[in-house]
């Protein structure tokens, strides 16, 4: 019997929650660059937040040893106790809170899962989440998947895109459930100082608002800047869910390991979500991650210094021209550049830059759905020094040529 037309046409209709979920423009650029490379072109990759360094050898050796030892079976939903203890010790040693490994640390499949679990565990339809923009696009996507509403807070470029608690106050409503605080910040490199965190604490005191503190770039700070863990600020500890991971400072992006930390009442609901999604992190990778936390301080500092040198080189080149505007990032490994409107929308700008100059960067609209990113781009300096310098030179030449022809 032929099914009714309505039933047939609705067979592949996706869930309504996906209506506002668009493909990541970061990945779109990456895929277009891969197509160019498949045709024989060499592309300078300044689009991905991915260190160009290899994972430290001692970590890879530990993963191989774990595999050889048969560490290939299910583990605890929250991650191995040994890795949770290592994460807790690392956070405490870096000036963070002293978390209980048994109830206040959750090992995740990258920081991305940590964000997803936190939002799904605490945000209902009708709730609002304040997302400072420009921002990593996963925040908005996770909020929408939970049925909640993202409320965008524009960061001020004249204030180096640092979170302004006074602006947070103006957006608070009885429906506000969470505020995102990414520090050091993707995509601008801004670092929130202790004074502003204290101000935020005062604003949120007595409310039901949680803080989602994305601190995956916490080790990547420059020029004497000090990263202050959000949860160490008085009155924020009880309401802060901290996200971290191995992808950036440890050059372990493909390993997909991260963590979520916070008071037990905030971690337990996230664990309930995890039990019925990814179940547990890979066992043998966790053994290697313990080694990464314990035995790679030298390699991590070498990488941080390399990022600092590339940052300085990029800023020096950009300082010689006046078309592309950039602040001075204090952390992470990104530059967020703005340019005059006559150079055209960022989607077209980045596409032409990739096609004509074989340089891949990300359009600012990927990070700012309010429209303020229409004339902005993100550049990652997590590439070799040669590629960073050559890529920035080509970018400057391309922008200059567009400005002259506008």
Protein backbone atom coordinates (compact mmCIF):
# COMPACT_ATOMS: atom_id res chain seq x y z
CA UNK A 1 0.00 0.00 0.00
CA UNK A 2 1.39 3.39 -0.98
CA UNK A 3 1.75 5.66 2.07
CA UNK A 4 -0.05 9.00 2.04
CA UNK A 5 1.84 11.85 0.37
CA UNK A 6 2.18 13.72 3.67
CA UNK A 7 3.86 10.73 5.29
CA UNK A 8 6.25 10.28 2.35
CA UNK A 9 7.29 13.92 2.23
CA UNK A 10 7.94 14.03 5.97
CA UNK A 11 10.12 10.90 6.01
CA UNK A 12 13.44 12.76 6.00
CA UNK A 13 12.28 15.95 7.71
CA UNK A 14 14.80 16.75 10.47
CA UNK A 15 13.85 17.81 13.96
CA UNK A 16 12.75 21.42 14.41
CA UNK A 17 15.65 21.99 16.80
CA UNK A 18 18.01 21.83 13.82
CA UNK A 19 16.34 24.70 11.97
CA UNK A 20 18.76 27.28 13.39
CA UNK A 21 21.83 25.02 13.36
CA UNK A 22 23.99 25.88 10.35
CA UNK A 23 27.22 24.19 9.25
CA UNK A 24 30.31 25.61 10.92
CA UNK A 25 31.93 28.17 8.63
CA UNK A 26 35.28 27.13 10.08
CA UNK A 27 34.78 23.66 8.67
CA UNK A 28 33.41 25.06 5.40
CA UNK A 29 36.67 26.97 4.86
CA UNK A 30 38.70 23.93 5.89
CA UNK A 31 36.86 21.73 3.38
CA UNK A 32 37.28 24.28 0.56
CA UNK A 33 41.00 24.46 1.34
CA UNK A 34 41.18 20.65 1.19
CA UNK A 35 39.60 20.74 -2.28
CA UNK A 36 42.26 23.19 -3.44
CA UNK A 37 44.97 20.94 -2.04
CA UNK A 38 43.44 17.94 -3.80
CA UNK A 39 43.90 19.88 -7.06
CA UNK A 40 47.59 20.29 -6.32
CA UNK A 41 47.69 23.75 -4.72
CA UNK A 42 49.55 24.49 -1.50
CA UNK A 43 47.30 26.27 0.99
CA UNK A 44 48.50 28.27 3.98
CA UNK A 45 46.21 27.20 6.80
CA UNK A 46 45.44 30.08 9.15
CA UNK A 47 41.83 29.01 9.73
CA UNK A 48 42.04 26.14 12.22
CA UNK A 49 42.57 26.41 15.96
CA UNK A 50 44.93 23.49 15.76
CA UNK A 51 48.58 23.55 16.84
CA UNK A 52 50.99 22.57 14.09
CA UNK A 53 53.15 20.72 16.64
CA UNK A 54 53.11 16.97 17.10
CA UNK A 55 51.87 15.52 20.38
CA UNK A 56 54.86 15.08 22.73
CA UNK A 57 56.48 11.69 22.15
CA UNK A 58 56.20 10.65 25.79
CA UNK A 59 52.41 10.93 25.50
CA UNK A 60 52.26 8.85 22.33
CA UNK A 61 54.49 6.23 23.96
CA UNK A 62 52.14 6.07 26.93
CA UNK A 63 49.15 5.52 24.64
CA UNK A 64 50.98 2.69 22.87
CA UNK A 65 51.90 1.09 26.18
CA UNK A 66 48.28 1.29 27.34
CA UNK A 67 47.10 -0.39 24.16
CA UNK A 68 49.73 -3.10 24.52
CA UNK A 69 48.58 -3.67 28.08
CA UNK A 70 45.01 -4.29 26.93
CA UNK A 71 43.52 -1.01 28.19
CA UNK A 72 40.77 -1.20 25.57
CA UNK A 73 37.54 -1.73 27.53
CA UNK A 74 34.84 0.48 29.02
CA UNK A 75 35.82 2.67 31.94
CA UNK A 76 33.86 4.75 34.45
CA UNK A 77 31.32 7.17 32.98
CA UNK A 78 33.14 10.10 34.58
CA UNK A 79 36.56 9.00 33.34
CA UNK A 80 39.27 7.11 35.16
CA UNK A 81 39.84 8.12 38.75
CA UNK A 82 43.56 8.48 38.02
CA UNK A 83 43.01 11.03 35.24
CA UNK A 84 40.42 12.92 37.26
CA UNK A 85 42.93 13.12 40.10
CA UNK A 86 45.61 14.35 37.69
CA UNK A 87 43.29 17.03 36.31
CA UNK A 88 42.37 18.15 39.83
CA UNK A 89 46.04 18.35 40.82
CA UNK A 90 46.90 20.32 37.67
CA UNK A 91 44.13 22.86 38.19
CA UNK A 92 45.10 23.35 41.84
CA UNK A 93 48.78 23.75 40.93
CA UNK A 94 47.84 26.49 38.45
CA UNK A 95 46.00 28.51 41.08
CA UNK A 96 42.57 27.01 40.57
CA UNK A 97 40.16 25.55 43.11
CA UNK A 98 40.91 22.23 44.81
CA UNK A 99 38.38 19.91 43.23
CA UNK A 100 37.42 16.48 44.54
CA UNK A 101 38.34 13.97 41.79
CA UNK A 102 35.55 11.68 42.91
CA UNK A 103 32.66 14.09 42.42
CA UNK A 104 33.84 17.38 40.90
CA UNK A 105 35.75 16.36 37.76
CA UNK A 106 34.30 14.81 34.59
CA UNK A 107 36.61 13.70 31.76
CA UNK A 108 35.00 14.54 28.42
CA UNK A 109 35.40 13.87 24.70
CA UNK A 110 37.15 17.17 24.17
CA UNK A 111 36.11 20.55 25.53
CA UNK A 112 33.29 20.54 22.97
CA UNK A 113 31.49 17.76 24.83
CA UNK A 114 32.06 19.53 28.13
CA UNK A 115 30.22 22.61 26.79
CA UNK A 116 27.42 20.45 25.41
CA UNK A 117 26.98 18.53 28.67
CA UNK A 118 26.91 21.70 30.77
CA UNK A 119 24.29 23.37 28.59
CA UNK A 120 22.12 20.27 28.23
CA UNK A 121 22.24 19.62 31.97
CA UNK A 122 21.07 23.07 33.06
CA UNK A 123 19.27 24.91 30.25
CA UNK A 124 15.59 24.40 29.49
CA UNK A 125 13.38 25.77 26.72
CA UNK A 126 12.61 29.35 27.67
CA UNK A 127 15.92 29.84 29.46
CA UNK A 128 18.38 32.43 28.17
CA UNK A 129 22.15 32.13 27.88
CA UNK A 130 24.26 35.27 27.51
CA UNK A 131 26.92 34.66 24.86
CA UNK A 132 29.51 37.42 24.37
CA UNK A 133 30.27 37.81 20.67
CA UNK A 134 32.35 37.28 18.68
CA UNK A 135 32.41 33.75 20.08
CA UNK A 136 33.23 30.16 19.25
CA UNK A 137 30.07 29.06 17.37
CA UNK A 138 29.54 25.90 19.44
CA UNK A 139 28.11 27.94 22.32
CA UNK A 140 25.17 29.16 20.27
CA UNK A 141 24.62 25.75 18.70
CA UNK A 142 24.56 23.94 22.04
CA UNK A 143 22.16 26.49 23.53
CA UNK A 144 19.78 26.09 20.60
CA UNK A 145 20.00 22.29 20.72
CA UNK A 146 18.93 22.48 24.36
CA UNK A 147 15.91 24.54 23.32
CA UNK A 148 17.18 27.61 25.16
CA UNK A 149 17.73 31.07 23.68
CA UNK A 150 21.15 32.64 23.10
CA UNK A 151 21.30 36.33 23.99
CA UNK A 152 24.25 37.95 22.27
CA UNK A 153 26.40 40.48 24.08
CA UNK A 154 28.62 42.47 21.66
CA UNK A 155 32.19 42.83 22.92
CA UNK A 156 33.73 46.27 22.41
CA UNK A 157 36.76 46.30 20.06
CA UNK A 158 37.86 49.57 21.63
CA UNK A 159 38.09 47.67 24.92
CA UNK A 160 40.11 44.85 23.28
CA UNK A 161 36.98 42.66 23.31
CA UNK A 162 37.28 42.03 27.07
CA UNK A 163 34.05 40.98 28.79
CA UNK A 164 32.31 43.98 30.39
CA UNK A 165 30.19 42.96 33.40
CA UNK A 166 28.15 46.16 33.14
CA UNK A 167 26.92 45.00 29.75
CA UNK A 168 26.09 41.60 31.22
CA UNK A 169 23.95 43.34 33.86
CA UNK A 170 21.89 45.10 31.18
CA UNK A 171 21.01 41.77 29.53
CA UNK A 172 20.00 39.88 32.67
CA UNK A 173 16.36 38.87 32.95
CA UNK A 174 14.45 36.40 35.15
CA UNK A 175 14.97 33.89 32.32
CA UNK A 176 18.78 34.13 32.32
CA UNK A 177 20.27 30.77 33.27
CA UNK A 178 23.89 31.00 32.17
CA UNK A 179 26.64 33.40 31.12
CA UNK A 180 29.52 32.22 28.93
CA UNK A 181 32.98 33.50 29.88
CA UNK A 182 35.74 32.35 27.55
CA UNK A 183 39.15 33.48 28.84
CA UNK A 184 41.58 33.55 27.12
CA UNK A 185 39.10 34.27 24.39
CA UNK A 186 38.45 32.64 21.04
CA UNK A 187 38.50 34.41 18.57
CA UNK A 188 40.06 37.63 19.94
CA UNK A 189 42.67 36.49 22.49
CA UNK A 190 41.21 38.74 25.21
CA UNK A 191 41.86 37.80 28.85
CA UNK A 192 39.43 38.82 31.59
CA UNK A 193 41.17 40.45 34.56
CA UNK A 194 40.38 39.78 38.26
CA UNK A 195 38.65 43.13 38.71
CA UNK A 196 36.10 42.40 36.03
CA UNK A 197 35.50 38.92 37.38
CA UNK A 198 34.88 40.38 40.83
CA UNK A 199 32.44 42.85 39.27
CA UNK A 200 30.65 39.98 37.52
CA UNK A 201 30.45 38.09 40.81
CA UNK A 202 28.74 41.03 42.45
CA UNK A 203 26.22 41.32 39.63
CA UNK A 204 25.31 37.62 39.77
CA UNK A 205 25.23 37.32 43.56
CA UNK A 206 21.91 35.88 44.75
CA UNK A 207 20.77 34.88 41.26
CA UNK A 208 20.24 31.48 39.65
CA UNK A 209 22.70 32.32 36.87
CA UNK A 210 25.54 29.89 36.21
CA UNK A 211 28.87 30.79 34.60
CA UNK A 212 30.24 28.53 31.88
CA UNK A 213 33.97 29.29 32.05
CA UNK A 214 35.75 28.04 28.93
CA UNK A 215 39.42 28.08 29.91
CA UNK A 216 40.92 25.73 27.34
CA UNK A 217 43.52 28.37 26.42
CA UNK A 218 44.50 29.05 30.03
CA UNK A 219 48.18 28.17 29.52
CA UNK A 220 48.56 30.27 26.38
CA UNK A 221 49.08 33.82 27.66
CA UNK A 222 51.73 36.37 26.68
CA UNK A 223 53.53 39.57 27.67
CA UNK A 224 53.32 38.77 31.37
CA UNK A 225 49.53 38.37 31.30
CA UNK A 226 48.19 36.17 34.09
CA UNK A 227 45.20 33.93 33.58
CA UNK A 228 42.86 33.99 36.59
CA UNK A 229 40.56 30.94 36.87
CA UNK A 230 36.99 32.21 37.02
CA UNK A 231 36.07 29.80 39.82
CA UNK A 232 38.71 31.28 42.16
CA UNK A 233 36.85 34.58 42.42
CA UNK A 234 34.73 34.97 45.54
CA UNK A 235 31.02 34.29 44.93
CA UNK A 236 31.67 32.71 41.53
CA UNK A 237 32.96 29.31 42.68
CA UNK A 238 29.55 27.90 43.57
CA UNK A 239 28.06 28.87 40.20
CA UNK A 240 30.96 28.16 37.82
CA UNK A 241 31.36 25.17 35.51
CA UNK A 242 34.91 25.20 34.16
CA UNK A 243 35.80 23.66 30.81
CA UNK A 244 39.32 22.69 29.78
CA UNK A 245 41.16 20.21 27.63
CA UNK A 246 44.24 18.90 25.89
CA UNK A 247 43.70 20.14 22.34
CA UNK A 248 45.46 23.50 22.45
CA UNK A 249 48.37 23.74 24.89
CA UNK A 250 49.19 20.02 24.64
CA UNK A 251 48.90 19.67 20.82
CA UNK A 252 46.41 16.83 21.31
CA UNK A 253 43.42 18.12 19.31
CA UNK A 254 42.88 14.79 17.54
CA UNK A 255 42.88 12.87 20.83
CA UNK A 256 39.52 14.42 21.78
CA UNK A 257 39.99 14.67 25.52
CA UNK A 258 38.88 17.44 27.86
CA UNK A 259 37.29 18.01 31.21
CA UNK A 260 34.46 19.68 33.06
CA UNK A 261 35.05 20.80 36.65
CA UNK A 262 32.87 22.39 39.29
CA UNK A 263 30.98 21.82 42.52
CA UNK A 264 29.49 18.33 42.76
CA UNK A 265 25.87 19.58 42.33
CA UNK A 266 26.90 21.06 38.96
CA UNK A 267 28.92 18.07 37.76
CA UNK A 268 26.43 15.32 38.66
CA UNK A 269 23.71 16.45 36.20
CA UNK A 270 26.28 16.68 33.40
CA UNK A 271 27.33 13.11 34.18
CA UNK A 272 23.71 11.98 33.82
CA UNK A 273 23.66 13.38 30.28
CA UNK A 274 27.02 11.76 29.47
CA UNK A 275 25.81 8.30 30.58
CA UNK A 276 23.36 8.18 27.68
CA UNK A 277 25.43 9.92 25.01
CA UNK A 278 29.15 9.08 24.77
CA UNK A 279 29.17 6.77 27.83
CA UNK A 280 32.87 7.19 28.72
CA UNK A 281 36.14 8.46 27.27
CA UNK A 282 38.56 5.98 25.60
CA UNK A 283 40.46 4.15 28.32
CA UNK A 284 43.92 3.92 26.75
CA UNK A 285 43.89 7.62 25.81
CA UNK A 286 43.20 8.57 29.40
CA UNK A 287 46.33 6.76 30.53
CA UNK A 288 48.33 8.85 28.05
CA UNK A 289 46.60 12.05 29.16
CA UNK A 290 47.88 11.52 32.70
CA UNK A 291 51.41 11.54 31.29
CA UNK A 292 50.60 14.70 29.31
CA UNK A 293 49.60 16.52 32.49
CA UNK A 294 52.52 15.20 34.50
CA UNK A 295 55.51 15.03 32.14
CA UNK A 296 55.24 17.62 29.35
CA UNK A 297 55.89 20.96 31.03
CA UNK A 298 59.02 21.56 28.94
CA UNK A 299 57.30 20.81 25.62
CA UNK A 300 54.30 22.95 26.53
CA UNK A 301 56.46 25.93 27.37
CA UNK A 302 58.38 25.52 24.13
CA UNK A 303 55.11 25.59 22.21
CA UNK A 304 53.85 28.61 24.13
CA UNK A 305 57.04 30.51 23.34
CA UNK A 306 56.73 29.58 19.68
CA UNK A 307 53.16 30.89 19.62
CA UNK A 308 54.36 34.09 21.30
CA UNK A 309 57.05 34.58 18.64
CA UNK A 310 54.54 34.01 15.82
CA UNK A 311 52.11 36.41 17.44
CA UNK A 312 54.80 39.07 17.65
CA UNK A 313 55.79 38.54 14.02
CA UNK A 314 52.17 38.78 12.81
CA UNK A 315 51.50 41.93 14.84
CA UNK A 316 54.72 43.50 13.55
CA UNK A 317 53.66 42.93 9.93
CA UNK A 318 50.12 44.18 10.59
CA UNK A 319 51.52 47.24 12.32
CA UNK A 320 53.00 48.43 9.02
CA UNK A 321 49.62 48.85 7.32
CA UNK A 322 46.37 50.66 8.09
CA UNK A 323 43.64 48.71 6.33
CA UNK A 324 43.30 45.74 8.66
CA UNK A 325 42.59 46.70 12.25
CA UNK A 326 43.67 44.42 15.09
CA UNK A 327 43.83 44.67 18.86
CA UNK A 328 46.65 43.23 20.94
CA UNK A 329 45.60 39.74 22.02
CA UNK A 330 46.85 38.63 25.43
CA UNK A 331 46.18 34.91 25.03
CA UNK A 332 45.09 31.95 22.86
CA UNK A 333 46.53 31.90 19.31
CA UNK A 334 44.21 34.07 17.25
CA UNK A 335 44.02 37.53 15.74
CA UNK A 336 40.60 39.04 15.12
CA UNK A 337 40.88 41.58 12.32
CA UNK A 338 38.31 44.09 11.10
CA UNK A 339 38.42 46.01 7.84
CA UNK A 340 36.51 48.77 5.97
CA UNK A 341 33.09 47.90 4.57
CA UNK A 342 34.12 48.73 1.01
CA UNK A 343 36.27 45.59 0.96
CA UNK A 344 33.07 43.55 0.91
CA UNK A 345 31.40 41.00 3.18
CA UNK A 346 33.63 38.58 5.05
CA UNK A 347 32.27 35.44 3.38
CA UNK A 348 33.27 36.79 -0.03
CA UNK A 349 36.53 38.26 1.28
CA UNK A 350 37.70 34.94 2.73
CA UNK A 351 36.57 32.92 -0.30
CA UNK A 352 38.47 35.17 -2.71
CA UNK A 353 41.52 35.20 -0.44
CA UNK A 354 41.52 31.41 -0.48
CA UNK A 355 40.97 31.11 -4.23
CA UNK A 356 43.35 33.88 -5.30
CA UNK A 357 46.07 33.78 -2.63
CA UNK A 358 45.64 30.24 -1.26
CA UNK A 359 45.39 31.55 2.31
CA UNK A 360 42.65 30.11 4.52
CA UNK A 361 41.13 32.30 7.24
CA UNK A 362 37.65 32.35 8.81
CA UNK A 363 34.99 35.01 8.17
CA UNK A 364 33.98 36.96 11.27
CA UNK A 365 30.32 36.14 10.69
CA UNK A 366 31.18 32.60 11.86
CA UNK A 367 31.69 34.03 15.34
CA UNK A 368 29.15 36.85 15.42
CA UNK A 369 25.62 36.19 14.15
CA UNK A 370 24.56 39.75 15.03
CA UNK A 371 26.10 41.03 11.79
CA UNK A 372 28.99 42.82 13.42
CA UNK A 373 31.31 40.17 12.01
CA UNK A 374 30.40 40.93 8.40
CA UNK A 375 33.64 42.85 7.95
CA UNK A 376 35.98 40.83 10.13
CA UNK A 377 38.14 37.72 9.89
CA UNK A 378 39.89 35.40 12.34
CA UNK A 379 43.49 34.45 11.71
CA UNK A 380 45.13 31.60 13.62
CA UNK A 381 48.86 31.80 14.24
CA UNK A 382 48.98 28.14 15.29
CA UNK A 383 50.96 27.47 12.13
CA UNK A 384 54.67 27.52 11.32
CA UNK A 385 56.48 30.86 11.53
CA UNK A 386 57.06 30.78 7.77
CA UNK A 387 53.38 30.17 7.06
CA UNK A 388 52.23 32.84 9.52
CA UNK A 389 54.50 35.47 8.00
CA UNK A 390 53.81 34.55 4.38
CA UNK A 391 50.08 34.24 5.05
CA UNK A 392 49.90 37.65 6.72
CA UNK A 393 51.89 39.22 3.86
CA UNK A 394 49.50 37.76 1.28
CA UNK A 395 46.52 38.88 3.37
CA UNK A 396 47.85 42.44 3.56
CA UNK A 397 48.60 42.56 -0.16
CA UNK A 398 45.16 41.18 -0.98
CA UNK A 399 43.36 43.67 1.31
CA UNK A 400 45.40 46.52 -0.12
CA UNK A 401 44.54 45.51 -3.67
CA UNK A 402 40.82 45.31 -2.82
CA UNK A 403 40.97 48.70 -1.13
CA UNK A 404 42.68 50.25 -4.13
CA UNK A 405 40.09 48.78 -6.46
CA UNK A 406 37.07 49.67 -4.33
